[in-house]
C-alpha atoms as a PDB file:
ATOM      1  CA  UNK A   1     -16.570  10.100 -24.383  1.00  0.00           C
ATOM      2  CA  UNK A   2     -14.785   6.726 -24.136  1.00  0.00           C
ATOM      3  CA  UNK A   3     -11.888   6.332 -21.704  1.00  0.00           C
ATOM      4  CA  UNK A   4      -8.899   4.696 -23.376  1.00  0.00           C
ATOM      5  CA  UNK A   5      -5.874   3.632 -21.334  1.00  0.00           C
ATOM      6  CA  UNK A   6      -2.868   1.386 -21.909  1.00  0.00           C
ATOM      7  CA  UNK A   7      -2.064  -0.454 -18.701  1.00  0.00           C
ATOM      8  CA  UNK A   8       1.432  -1.106 -17.348  1.00  0.00           C
ATOM      9  CA  UNK A   9       1.889  -4.418 -19.134  1.00  0.00           C
ATOM     10  CA  UNK A  10       1.020  -2.839 -22.490  1.00  0.00           C
ATOM     11  CA  UNK A  11      -2.634  -3.897 -22.822  1.00  0.00           C
ATOM     12  CA  UNK A  12      -5.233  -1.452 -24.113  1.00  0.00           C
ATOM     13  CA  UNK A  13      -8.612  -1.137 -22.448  1.00  0.00           C
ATOM     14  CA  UNK A  14     -11.606   1.041 -23.145  1.00  0.00           C
ATOM     15  CA  UNK A  15     -14.516   2.080 -20.938  1.00  0.00           C
ATOM     16  CA  UNK A  16     -17.502   4.032 -22.176  1.00  0.00           C
ATOM     17  CA  UNK A  17     -17.779   5.927 -18.890  1.00  0.00           C
ATOM     18  CA  UNK A  18     -16.240   5.919 -15.400  1.00  0.00           C
ATOM     19  CA  UNK A  19     -16.891   2.558 -13.707  1.00  0.00           C
ATOM     20  CA  UNK A  20     -19.675   2.014 -11.203  1.00  0.00           C
ATOM     21  CA  UNK A  21     -18.960  -1.615 -10.232  1.00  0.00           C
ATOM     22  CA  UNK A  22     -15.290  -2.010  -9.355  1.00  0.00           C
ATOM     23  CA  UNK A  23     -13.305  -4.975  -8.054  1.00  0.00           C
ATOM     24  CA  UNK A  24      -9.815  -4.507  -6.634  1.00  0.00           C
ATOM     25  CA  UNK A  25      -7.490  -7.502  -6.457  1.00  0.00           C
ATOM     26  CA  UNK A  26      -4.617  -5.774  -4.603  1.00  0.00           C
ATOM     27  CA  UNK A  27      -4.594  -4.285  -1.078  1.00  0.00           C
ATOM     28  CA  UNK A  28      -2.554  -1.151  -1.840  1.00  0.00           C
ATOM     29  CA  UNK A  29      -4.719  -0.383  -4.867  1.00  0.00           C
ATOM     30  CA  UNK A  30      -7.892  -0.929  -2.845  1.00  0.00           C
ATOM     31  CA  UNK A  31      -6.706   1.743  -0.425  1.00  0.00           C
ATOM     32  CA  UNK A  32      -5.990   3.989  -3.408  1.00  0.00           C
ATOM     33  CA  UNK A  33      -9.536   3.581  -4.732  1.00  0.00           C
ATOM     34  CA  UNK A  34     -10.973   4.578  -1.369  1.00  0.00           C
ATOM     35  CA  UNK A  35      -8.688   7.604  -1.187  1.00  0.00           C
ATOM     36  CA  UNK A  36      -9.799   8.632  -4.668  1.00  0.00           C
ATOM     37  CA  UNK A  37     -13.400   8.711  -3.439  1.00  0.00           C
ATOM     38  CA  UNK A  38     -14.555   5.460  -5.077  1.00  0.00           C
ATOM     39  CA  UNK A  39     -15.980   3.802  -1.952  1.00  0.00           C
ATOM     40  CA  UNK A  40     -19.597   3.611  -3.146  1.00  0.00           C
ATOM     41  CA  UNK A  41     -18.530   1.980  -6.428  1.00  0.00           C
ATOM     42  CA  UNK A  42     -16.286  -0.735  -4.998  1.00  0.00           C
ATOM     43  CA  UNK A  43     -18.076  -4.097  -5.140  1.00  0.00           C
ATOM     44  CA  UNK A  44     -15.340  -6.590  -4.299  1.00  0.00           C
ATOM     45  CA  UNK A  45     -11.938  -6.744  -2.587  1.00  0.00           C
ATOM     46  CA  UNK A  46      -9.530  -9.449  -1.431  1.00  0.00           C
ATOM     47  CA  UNK A  47      -9.294 -10.768   2.119  1.00  0.00           C
ATOM     48  CA  UNK A  48      -5.949  -8.966   2.433  1.00  0.00           C
ATOM     49  CA  UNK A  49      -7.409  -5.526   1.697  1.00  0.00           C
ATOM     50  CA  UNK A  50      -7.195  -4.320   5.297  1.00  0.00           C
ATOM     51  CA  UNK A  51      -7.140  -0.567   4.652  1.00  0.00           C
ATOM     52  CA  UNK A  52      -9.454   1.061   5.329  1.00  0.00           C
ATOM     53  CA  UNK A  53     -10.422  -1.374   8.068  1.00  0.00           C
ATOM     54  CA  UNK A  54     -14.129  -0.928   7.380  1.00  0.00           C
ATOM     55  CA  UNK A  55     -13.758  -2.364   3.873  1.00  0.00           C
ATOM     56  CA  UNK A  56     -13.689  -6.004   4.963  1.00  0.00           C
ATOM     57  CA  UNK A  57     -17.054  -5.529   6.670  1.00  0.00           C
ATOM     58  CA  UNK A  58     -18.830  -3.685   3.877  1.00  0.00           C
ATOM     59  CA  UNK A  59     -17.470  -5.160   0.636  1.00  0.00           C
ATOM     60  CA  UNK A  60     -17.728  -8.623  -0.920  1.00  0.00           C
ATOM     61  CA  UNK A  61     -14.574 -10.694  -0.395  1.00  0.00           C
ATOM     62  CA  UNK A  62     -13.417 -12.267  -3.657  1.00  0.00           C
ATOM     63  CA  UNK A  63     -10.689 -14.525  -2.272  1.00  0.00           C
ATOM     64  CA  UNK A  64      -6.981 -13.889  -1.836  1.00  0.00           C
ATOM     65  CA  UNK A  65      -4.618 -12.115  -4.193  1.00  0.00           C
ATOM     66  CA  UNK A  66      -3.240 -15.426  -5.486  1.00  0.00           C
ATOM     67  CA  UNK A  67      -6.475 -17.418  -5.353  1.00  0.00           C
ATOM     68  CA  UNK A  68      -9.266 -15.183  -6.572  1.00  0.00           C
ATOM     69  CA  UNK A  69     -12.769 -16.606  -6.504  1.00  0.00           C
ATOM     70  CA  UNK A  70     -13.517 -16.250 -10.202  1.00  0.00           C
ATOM     71  CA  UNK A  71     -17.135 -17.420  -9.935  1.00  0.00           C
ATOM     72  CA  UNK A  72     -17.841 -14.787  -7.309  1.00  0.00           C
ATOM     73  CA  UNK A  73     -16.211 -12.081  -9.399  1.00  0.00           C
ATOM     74  CA  UNK A  74     -18.192 -13.055 -12.493  1.00  0.00           C
ATOM     75  CA  UNK A  75     -21.403 -13.013 -10.436  1.00  0.00           C
ATOM     76  CA  UNK A  76     -20.643  -9.450  -9.297  1.00  0.00           C
ATOM     77  CA  UNK A  77     -20.473  -8.435 -12.986  1.00  0.00           C
ATOM     78  CA  UNK A  78     -17.879  -5.669 -12.565  1.00  0.00           C
ATOM     79  CA  UNK A  79     -17.384  -2.980 -15.169  1.00  0.00           C
ATOM     80  CA  UNK A  80     -13.747  -2.509 -14.076  1.00  0.00           C
ATOM     81  CA  UNK A  81     -11.129  -4.686 -12.369  1.00  0.00           C
ATOM     82  CA  UNK A  82      -7.883  -3.371 -10.905  1.00  0.00           C
ATOM     83  CA  UNK A  83      -5.091  -5.970 -10.692  1.00  0.00           C
ATOM     84  CA  UNK A  84      -1.305  -6.309 -10.522  1.00  0.00           C
ATOM     85  CA  UNK A  85       1.131  -8.451 -12.497  1.00  0.00           C
ATOM     86  CA  UNK A  86       3.141  -9.606  -9.491  1.00  0.00           C
ATOM     87  CA  UNK A  87       0.498  -9.915  -6.812  1.00  0.00           C
ATOM     88  CA  UNK A  88      -2.187 -11.721  -8.810  1.00  0.00           C
ATOM     89  CA  UNK A  89      -2.220 -15.099 -10.522  1.00  0.00           C
ATOM     90  CA  UNK A  90      -1.586 -14.722 -14.264  1.00  0.00           C
ATOM     91  CA  UNK A  91      -4.183 -17.289 -15.371  1.00  0.00           C
ATOM     92  CA  UNK A  92      -6.896 -15.692 -13.224  1.00  0.00           C
ATOM     93  CA  UNK A  93      -6.213 -12.207 -14.568  1.00  0.00           C
ATOM     94  CA  UNK A  94      -6.181 -13.464 -18.159  1.00  0.00           C
ATOM     95  CA  UNK A  95      -9.548 -15.132 -17.538  1.00  0.00           C
ATOM     96  CA  UNK A  96     -11.022 -11.928 -16.109  1.00  0.00           C
ATOM     97  CA  UNK A  97      -9.463  -9.709 -18.776  1.00  0.00           C
ATOM     98  CA  UNK A  98     -11.327 -11.633 -21.463  1.00  0.00           C
ATOM     99  CA  UNK A  99     -14.614 -10.752 -19.796  1.00  0.00           C
ATOM    100  CA  UNK A 100     -14.197  -7.378 -18.075  1.00  0.00           C
ATOM    101  CA  UNK A 101     -12.110  -4.208 -18.557  1.00  0.00           C
ATOM    102  CA  UNK A 102      -9.017  -4.953 -16.457  1.00  0.00           C
ATOM    103  CA  UNK A 103      -6.088  -2.663 -15.682  1.00  0.00           C
ATOM    104  CA  UNK A 104      -2.945  -4.591 -14.704  1.00  0.00           C
ATOM    105  CA  UNK A 105      -0.306  -2.544 -12.932  1.00  0.00           C
ATOM    106  CA  UNK A 106       3.412  -3.320 -12.772  1.00  0.00           C
ATOM    107  CA  UNK A 107       5.129  -1.165 -10.182  1.00  0.00           C
ATOM    108  CA  UNK A 108       8.820  -1.446  -9.369  1.00  0.00           C
ATOM    109  CA  UNK A 109       9.698   2.237  -8.951  1.00  0.00           C
ATOM    110  CA  UNK A 110       8.167   5.372  -7.495  1.00  0.00           C
ATOM    111  CA  UNK A 111       7.717   6.766 -11.005  1.00  0.00           C
ATOM    112  CA  UNK A 112       5.702   3.710 -12.035  1.00  0.00           C
ATOM    113  CA  UNK A 113       3.563   4.059  -8.903  1.00  0.00           C
ATOM    114  CA  UNK A 114       2.778   7.661  -9.842  1.00  0.00           C
ATOM    115  CA  UNK A 115       1.852   6.586 -13.383  1.00  0.00           C
ATOM    116  CA  UNK A 116      -0.495   3.931 -12.007  1.00  0.00           C
ATOM    117  CA  UNK A 117      -2.208   6.437  -9.716  1.00  0.00           C
ATOM    118  CA  UNK A 118      -2.656   8.850 -12.614  1.00  0.00           C
ATOM    119  CA  UNK A 119      -4.094   6.096 -14.847  1.00  0.00           C
ATOM    120  CA  UNK A 120      -6.545   4.876 -12.211  1.00  0.00           C
ATOM    121  CA  UNK A 121      -7.666   8.442 -11.576  1.00  0.00           C
ATOM    122  CA  UNK A 122      -8.323   8.912 -15.303  1.00  0.00           C
ATOM    123  CA  UNK A 123     -10.244   5.641 -15.577  1.00  0.00           C
ATOM    124  CA  UNK A 124     -12.426   6.414 -12.565  1.00  0.00           C
ATOM    125  CA  UNK A 125     -13.101  10.037 -13.451  1.00  0.00           C
ATOM    126  CA  UNK A 126     -11.112  11.156 -10.415  1.00  0.00           C
ATOM    127  CA  UNK A 127      -8.318  13.070 -12.124  1.00  0.00           C
ATOM    128  CA  UNK A 128      -8.333  15.944  -9.631  1.00  0.00           C
ATOM    129  CA  UNK A 129      -8.140  13.597  -6.656  1.00  0.00           C
ATOM    130  CA  UNK A 130      -5.338  11.602  -8.296  1.00  0.00           C
ATOM    131  CA  UNK A 131      -3.381  14.765  -9.077  1.00  0.00           C
ATOM    132  CA  UNK A 132      -3.752  15.837  -5.452  1.00  0.00           C
ATOM    133  CA  UNK A 133      -2.391  12.505  -4.226  1.00  0.00           C
ATOM    134  CA  UNK A 134       0.492  12.659  -6.679  1.00  0.00           C
ATOM    135  CA  UNK A 135       1.337  16.184  -5.553  1.00  0.00           C
ATOM    136  CA  UNK A 136       1.372  15.050  -1.914  1.00  0.00           C
ATOM    137  CA  UNK A 137       3.581  12.055  -2.734  1.00  0.00           C
ATOM    138  CA  UNK A 138       6.076  14.122  -4.701  1.00  0.00           C
ATOM    139  CA  UNK A 139       6.179  16.686  -1.904  1.00  0.00           C
ATOM    140  CA  UNK A 140       6.800  13.958   0.659  1.00  0.00           C
ATOM    141  CA  UNK A 141       9.700  12.430  -1.241  1.00  0.00           C
ATOM    142  CA  UNK A 142      11.202  15.803  -2.073  1.00  0.00           C
ATOM    143  CA  UNK A 143      11.992  16.211   1.630  1.00  0.00           C
ATOM    144  CA  UNK A 144      14.397  13.258   1.676  1.00  0.00           C
ATOM    145  CA  UNK A 145      17.802  14.625   2.594  1.00  0.00           C
ATOM    146  CA  UNK A 146      20.801  14.303   0.298  1.00  0.00           C
ATOM    147  CA  UNK A 147      22.602  11.071   1.088  1.00  0.00           C
ATOM    148  CA  UNK A 148      25.997  12.256   2.309  1.00  0.00           C
ATOM    149  CA  UNK A 149      26.279   8.869   4.006  1.00  0.00           C
ATOM    150  CA  UNK A 150      24.746   5.717   2.546  1.00  0.00           C
ATOM    151  CA  UNK A 151      24.326   2.740   4.860  1.00  0.00           C
ATOM    152  CA  UNK A 152      24.437  -0.839   3.598  1.00  0.00           C
ATOM    153  CA  UNK A 153      21.296  -2.821   4.359  1.00  0.00           C
ATOM    154  CA  UNK A 154      19.633  -6.190   3.988  1.00  0.00           C
ATOM    155  CA  UNK A 155      15.835  -6.214   3.869  1.00  0.00           C
ATOM    156  CA  UNK A 156      14.355  -9.527   5.055  1.00  0.00           C
ATOM    157  CA  UNK A 157      10.764 -10.441   4.212  1.00  0.00           C
ATOM    158  CA  UNK A 158      10.764 -14.072   5.411  1.00  0.00           C
ATOM    159  CA  UNK A 159      12.613 -16.537   7.600  1.00  0.00           C
ATOM    160  CA  UNK A 160      13.151 -20.311   7.370  1.00  0.00           C
ATOM    161  CA  UNK A 161      14.454 -19.695   4.789  1.00  0.00           C
ATOM    162  CA  UNK A 162      15.583 -16.097   4.778  1.00  0.00           C
ATOM    163  CA  UNK A 163      14.183 -14.196   1.819  1.00  0.00           C
ATOM    164  CA  UNK A 164      15.279 -10.742   0.748  1.00  0.00           C
ATOM    165  CA  UNK A 165      14.750  -8.361  -2.201  1.00  0.00           C
ATOM    166  CA  UNK A 166      16.721  -7.715  -5.388  1.00  0.00           C
ATOM    167  CA  UNK A 167      17.101  -4.450  -7.283  1.00  0.00           C
ATOM    168  CA  UNK A 168      14.131  -5.394  -9.475  1.00  0.00           C
ATOM    169  CA  UNK A 169      11.592  -4.588  -6.749  1.00  0.00           C
ATOM    170  CA  UNK A 170       9.662  -1.601  -5.450  1.00  0.00           C
ATOM    171  CA  UNK A 171      11.151  -2.177  -1.991  1.00  0.00           C
ATOM    172  CA  UNK A 172      14.659  -1.762  -3.422  1.00  0.00           C
ATOM    173  CA  UNK A 173      13.672   1.577  -4.944  1.00  0.00           C
ATOM    174  CA  UNK A 174      12.321   2.759  -1.597  1.00  0.00           C
ATOM    175  CA  UNK A 175      15.521   1.680   0.179  1.00  0.00           C
ATOM    176  CA  UNK A 176      17.676   3.533  -2.351  1.00  0.00           C
ATOM    177  CA  UNK A 177      15.647   6.724  -2.012  1.00  0.00           C
ATOM    178  CA  UNK A 178      16.137   6.661   1.754  1.00  0.00           C
ATOM    179  CA  UNK A 179      19.906   6.297   1.575  1.00  0.00           C
ATOM    180  CA  UNK A 180      20.368   2.549   1.954  1.00  0.00           C
ATOM    181  CA  UNK A 181      22.479   0.356  -0.329  1.00  0.00           C
ATOM    182  CA  UNK A 182      20.790  -3.025  -0.741  1.00  0.00           C
ATOM    183  CA  UNK A 183      23.557  -5.615  -0.226  1.00  0.00           C
ATOM    184  CA  UNK A 184      21.570  -8.213  -2.168  1.00  0.00           C
ATOM    185  CA  UNK A 185      20.377  -5.820  -4.854  1.00  0.00           C
ATOM    186  CA  UNK A 186      22.502  -7.368  -7.604  1.00  0.00           C
ATOM    187  CA  UNK A 187      21.271 -10.907  -7.063  1.00  0.00           C
ATOM    188  CA  UNK A 188      19.911 -11.974 -10.461  1.00  0.00           C
ATOM    189  CA  UNK A 189      18.602 -15.442  -9.593  1.00  0.00           C
ATOM    190  CA  UNK A 190      15.296 -14.118  -8.247  1.00  0.00           C
ATOM    191  CA  UNK A 191      13.466 -10.904  -7.486  1.00  0.00           C
ATOM    192  CA  UNK A 192      13.140 -12.280  -3.944  1.00  0.00           C
ATOM    193  CA  UNK A 193      16.343 -14.303  -3.384  1.00  0.00           C
ATOM    194  CA  UNK A 194      16.757 -16.926  -0.690  1.00  0.00           C
ATOM    195  CA  UNK A 195      19.901 -16.281   1.374  1.00  0.00           C
ATOM    196  CA  UNK A 196      21.671 -18.145   4.157  1.00  0.00           C
ATOM    197  CA  UNK A 197      22.983 -17.020   7.531  1.00  0.00           C
ATOM    198  CA  UNK A 198      26.503 -17.183   6.136  1.00  0.00           C
ATOM    199  CA  UNK A 199      25.626 -15.099   3.077  1.00  0.00           C
ATOM    200  CA  UNK A 200      24.140 -12.414   5.322  1.00  0.00           C
ATOM    201  CA  UNK A 201      27.253 -12.411   7.504  1.00  0.00           C
ATOM    202  CA  UNK A 202      29.521 -12.232   4.459  1.00  0.00           C
ATOM    203  CA  UNK A 203      27.500  -9.312   3.046  1.00  0.00           C
ATOM    204  CA  UNK A 204      27.972  -7.670   6.460  1.00  0.00           C
ATOM    205  CA  UNK A 205      25.149  -5.098   6.195  1.00  0.00           C
ATOM    206  CA  UNK A 206      25.308  -2.207   8.607  1.00  0.00           C
ATOM    207  CA  UNK A 207      21.572  -2.611   9.121  1.00  0.00           C
ATOM    208  CA  UNK A 208      19.170  -5.536   8.775  1.00  0.00           C
ATOM    209  CA  UNK A 209      15.555  -4.556   8.229  1.00  0.00           C
ATOM    210  CA  UNK A 210      12.953  -7.046   9.429  1.00  0.00           C
ATOM    211  CA  UNK A 211       9.741  -6.326   7.532  1.00  0.00           C
ATOM    212  CA  UNK A 212       6.383  -6.557   9.284  1.00  0.00           C
ATOM    213  CA  UNK A 213       4.992  -8.286   6.175  1.00  0.00           C
ATOM    214  CA  UNK A 214       4.631 -10.775   4.589  1.00  0.00           C
ATOM    215  CA  UNK A 215       6.407 -12.483   7.511  1.00  0.00           C
ATOM    216  CA  UNK A 216       5.212 -10.884  10.760  1.00  0.00           C
ATOM    217  CA  UNK A 217       8.576 -10.011  12.282  1.00  0.00           C
ATOM    218  CA  UNK A 218       8.236  -8.571  15.780  1.00  0.00           C
ATOM    219  CA  UNK A 219      10.590  -6.797  18.160  1.00  0.00           C
ATOM    220  CA  UNK A 220      11.020 -10.141  19.972  1.00  0.00           C
ATOM    221  CA  UNK A 221      12.964 -11.422  16.950  1.00  0.00           C
ATOM    222  CA  UNK A 222      15.670  -8.817  17.441  1.00  0.00           C
ATOM    223  CA  UNK A 223      17.171 -10.416  20.560  1.00  0.00           C
ATOM    224  CA  UNK A 224      17.563 -13.790  18.869  1.00  0.00           C
ATOM    225  CA  UNK A 225      18.873 -12.393  15.595  1.00  0.00           C
ATOM    226  CA  UNK A 226      21.317 -10.117  17.361  1.00  0.00           C
ATOM    227  CA  UNK A 227      23.216 -13.247  18.415  1.00  0.00           C
ATOM    228  CA  UNK A 228      23.274 -14.470  14.803  1.00  0.00           C
ATOM    229  CA  UNK A 229      24.312 -11.148  13.271  1.00  0.00           C
ATOM    230  CA  UNK A 230      26.181  -9.255  16.013  1.00  0.00           C
ATOM    231  CA  UNK A 231      27.818  -6.775  13.624  1.00  0.00           C
ATOM    232  CA  UNK A 232      24.547  -5.459  12.189  1.00  0.00           C
ATOM    233  CA  UNK A 233      22.010  -3.053  13.560  1.00  0.00           C
ATOM    234  CA  UNK A 234      18.533  -4.633  13.478  1.00  0.00           C
ATOM    235  CA  UNK A 235      15.257  -2.782  13.070  1.00  0.00           C
ATOM    236  CA  UNK A 236      11.625  -3.691  12.509  1.00  0.00           C
ATOM    237  CA  UNK A 237      10.251  -1.771   9.548  1.00  0.00           C
ATOM    238  CA  UNK A 238       6.656  -1.191   8.463  1.00  0.00           C
ATOM    239  CA  UNK A 239       6.367  -3.430   5.409  1.00  0.00           C
ATOM    240  CA  UNK A 240       3.330  -1.553   4.141  1.00  0.00           C
ATOM    241  CA  UNK A 241       5.351   1.638   3.901  1.00  0.00           C
ATOM    242  CA  UNK A 242       8.030  -0.037   1.797  1.00  0.00           C
ATOM    243  CA  UNK A 243       5.848  -2.204  -0.445  1.00  0.00           C
ATOM    244  CA  UNK A 244       2.426  -0.530  -0.824  1.00  0.00           C
ATOM    245  CA  UNK A 245       2.644   1.548  -3.990  1.00  0.00           C
ATOM    246  CA  UNK A 246      -0.642   3.435  -3.838  1.00  0.00           C
ATOM    247  CA  UNK A 247      -1.854   6.422  -1.867  1.00  0.00           C
ATOM    248  CA  UNK A 248      -0.009   5.207   1.264  1.00  0.00           C
ATOM    249  CA  UNK A 249       3.110   6.721  -0.287  1.00  0.00           C
ATOM    250  CA  UNK A 250       1.927  10.164   0.805  1.00  0.00           C
ATOM    251  CA  UNK A 251       2.576   9.033   4.386  1.00  0.00           C
ATOM    252  CA  UNK A 252       6.019   7.514   3.763  1.00  0.00           C
ATOM    253  CA  UNK A 253       8.525   8.161   6.565  1.00  0.00           C
ATOM    254  CA  UNK A 254      11.217  10.025   4.680  1.00  0.00           C
ATOM    255  CA  UNK A 255      13.280  10.348   7.876  1.00  0.00           C
ATOM    256  CA  UNK A 256      13.690   6.600   8.273  1.00  0.00           C
ATOM    257  CA  UNK A 257      17.489   6.706   7.835  1.00  0.00           C
ATOM    258  CA  UNK A 258      17.877   9.258  10.611  1.00  0.00           C
ATOM    259  CA  UNK A 259      15.351   7.525  12.865  1.00  0.00           C
ATOM    260  CA  UNK A 260      16.823   4.044  12.439  1.00  0.00           C
ATOM    261  CA  UNK A 261      20.494   4.922  12.649  1.00  0.00           C
ATOM    262  CA  UNK A 262      20.006   7.034  15.786  1.00  0.00           C
ATOM    263  CA  UNK A 263      18.130   4.303  17.677  1.00  0.00           C
ATOM    264  CA  UNK A 264      19.714   2.736  20.748  1.00  0.00           C
ATOM    265  CA  UNK A 265      20.622  -0.753  19.502  1.00  0.00           C
ATOM    266  CA  UNK A 266      23.142   0.387  16.889  1.00  0.00           C
ATOM    267  CA  UNK A 267      26.415  -1.533  17.358  1.00  0.00           C
END
């Protein structure tokens, strides 16, 4: 019986049976495929698909998320491609979509992440596994305490220049669920606004998160930045936990507010 799905950008795709030759163009969705039990059917992944670690040694690398090797993908002759609107180049995905069944996700909230997981499970014939993951994720997030106190926060993903996140991002949704008010959430000029030192000081966040990706902030940055932003608590945060919208969500640290605000370098 054919599998018919509408992806998250409104495109319909049809497969005659669960796929046997899969290419994933997004790291978090690659991890999801492995966790759904699709390892033997995954033919190609990007160079950034680092989880599970064994994948880079056993699967064909089809370039980066923004510069896919289209010739290599065509040569692999996939019967299903898993992509994402934000993380992949539009022209490349349009090219591939004309040739192969391609599901394009668009995930900016936890609810959309759950829908994507359910869809991918249905496409791959792994509905039970997907439902199990979804149950684990919902259980994990149900343990988040009521936010009697919300702390203001800035979440930095890059420096020189500083880049942060607006309310139109998955990271913003994760911050909100954990009890943090994103001080740059209402910026409408970009989903990932550039901000200055002065703008950060004027926003005066109680906490500044330094994400471990895409810029590799380390604990050594805290000493320097503490001099620039003396009124804010600074903390390194696992960027994968805040931005990977696949099966990694079942491991999300729902106690992050308590853990961060009780650490020793709070002003």
